[in-house]
Amino acid sequence: MISAITHHFSDNLYAKETHIPAGQALMQHKHKFSHLSIVAQGTVEVTVDDETKVYMAPACIEVEKGKNHRVFALTDAIWYCVHSIPEKDVSKIDEVLIRINSPEEEV
């Protein structure tokens, strides 16, 4: 289980800070826009589509829009997703960012 999520906002900029305990994963998903992800602490295994790489903090990674990605914490980790969006309502962030697959993509 994710231990803590903190939301950070600036002018048209959003950063989601997630503390991931060792052995836990962030659910695989896609975004509507490319974004940066930052490993601020720890070591993580990142799978983008079918390619898996290990990153040790500090590291900055670009995740392209429409790419399935998953983060698995090999050690306790702090992970940031940084997006350029004007939305500041936490209840609407995922609606703005997360891409839902069309029925054709589910096949």
Protein backbone atom coordinates (compact mmCIF):
# COMPACT_ATOMS: atom_id res chain seq x y z
CA MET A 1 0.00 0.00 0.00
CA ILE A 2 1.22 3.51 -0.83
CA SER A 3 2.16 5.24 2.41
CA ALA A 4 1.67 8.88 1.38
CA ILE A 5 0.72 11.08 -1.53
CA THR A 6 1.31 14.83 -1.54
CA HIS A 7 0.11 17.18 -4.28
CA HIS A 8 2.20 20.21 -5.28
CA PHE A 9 0.96 23.07 -7.49
CA SER A 10 2.50 26.09 -9.22
CA ASP A 11 1.56 28.11 -12.31
CA ASN A 12 0.32 25.48 -14.80
CA LEU A 13 2.50 22.88 -13.08
CA TYR A 14 1.46 19.88 -11.00
CA ALA A 15 3.69 17.40 -9.18
CA LYS A 16 2.39 14.29 -7.47
CA GLU A 17 4.76 13.05 -4.75
CA THR A 18 4.31 9.38 -3.87
CA HIS A 19 6.11 7.47 -1.14
CA ILE A 20 6.29 3.83 -2.24
CA PRO A 21 7.34 1.16 0.28
CA ALA A 22 9.79 -1.48 -0.96
CA GLY A 23 8.00 -4.31 -2.75
CA GLN A 24 4.98 -2.19 -3.76
CA ALA A 25 3.98 -0.98 -7.24
CA LEU A 26 2.09 1.94 -8.70
CA MET A 27 -0.71 0.67 -10.92
CA GLN A 28 0.04 0.56 -14.64
CA HIS A 29 -1.64 3.36 -16.58
CA LYS A 30 -1.31 5.78 -19.52
CA HIS A 31 -1.38 9.57 -19.64
CA LYS A 32 -2.87 11.92 -22.20
CA PHE A 33 0.32 14.02 -22.18
CA SER A 34 4.05 13.30 -21.94
CA HIS A 35 5.47 14.09 -18.51
CA LEU A 36 8.56 13.88 -16.36
CA SER A 37 8.96 11.46 -13.48
CA ILE A 38 11.63 11.87 -10.84
CA VAL A 39 13.09 9.24 -8.54
CA ALA A 40 13.98 11.40 -5.54
CA GLN A 41 14.88 8.57 -3.17
CA GLY A 42 15.50 4.85 -3.46
CA THR A 43 15.64 2.43 -6.38
CA VAL A 44 12.72 1.60 -8.66
CA GLU A 45 12.02 -0.67 -11.61
CA VAL A 46 10.11 1.20 -14.32
CA THR A 47 8.31 -0.62 -17.11
CA VAL A 48 7.21 1.49 -20.08
CA ASP A 49 5.22 -0.61 -22.52
CA ASP A 50 7.40 -3.77 -22.68
CA GLU A 51 10.75 -2.23 -21.69
CA THR A 52 11.93 -2.42 -18.07
CA LYS A 53 14.79 -0.39 -16.58
CA VAL A 54 16.09 0.11 -13.06
CA TYR A 55 16.65 3.68 -11.82
CA MET A 56 18.45 4.76 -8.67
CA ALA A 57 17.85 8.21 -7.18
CA PRO A 58 18.44 10.82 -8.26
CA ALA A 59 17.00 10.21 -11.72
CA CYS A 60 14.65 12.03 -14.09
CA ILE A 61 12.69 10.08 -16.72
CA GLU A 62 10.42 11.22 -19.55
CA VAL A 63 7.28 9.11 -19.97
CA GLU A 64 5.71 9.70 -23.38
CA LYS A 65 1.96 10.17 -23.72
CA GLY A 66 -0.03 7.03 -24.42
CA LYS A 67 2.68 4.68 -23.06
CA ASN A 68 1.67 2.14 -20.42
CA HIS A 69 3.94 2.57 -17.43
CA ARG A 70 4.35 0.92 -14.06
CA VAL A 71 6.69 1.65 -11.14
CA PHE A 72 7.87 -1.03 -8.73
CA ALA A 73 9.86 0.00 -5.65
CA LEU A 74 12.94 -2.18 -5.11
CA THR A 75 13.68 -0.14 -1.96
CA ASP A 76 11.57 2.44 -0.14
CA ALA A 77 11.23 5.18 -2.74
CA ILE A 78 9.94 8.67 -3.33
CA TRP A 79 8.56 9.16 -6.84
CA TYR A 80 7.36 12.39 -8.44
CA CYS A 81 5.20 12.74 -11.55
CA VAL A 82 5.42 16.26 -12.96
CA HIS A 83 2.78 17.51 -15.40
CA SER A 84 2.16 20.82 -17.14
CA ILE A 85 -1.55 21.40 -16.51
CA PRO A 86 -3.60 24.28 -15.11
CA GLU A 87 -5.94 22.01 -13.04
CA LYS A 88 -5.55 22.47 -9.27
CA ASP A 89 -8.54 20.46 -8.05
CA VAL A 90 -7.11 17.18 -6.71
CA SER A 91 -10.44 15.42 -7.34
CA LYS A 92 -10.16 16.21 -11.08
CA ILE A 93 -6.42 15.58 -11.68
CA ASP A 94 -6.77 11.95 -12.79
CA GLU A 95 -9.67 12.85 -15.09
CA VAL A 96 -7.43 15.41 -16.82
CA LEU A 97 -4.31 13.22 -16.97
CA ILE A 98 -5.22 9.53 -17.15
CA ARG A 99 -6.00 8.10 -20.56
CA ILE A 100 -8.80 5.54 -20.60
CA ASN A 101 -8.34 2.89 -23.28
CA SER A 102 -10.89 2.79 -26.06
CA PRO A 103 -12.57 -0.60 -26.68
CA GLU A 104 -10.25 -1.11 -29.69
CA GLU A 105 -7.17 -0.74 -27.44
CA GLU A 106 -8.43 -3.35 -24.98
CA VAL A 107 -8.08 -6.17 -27.54
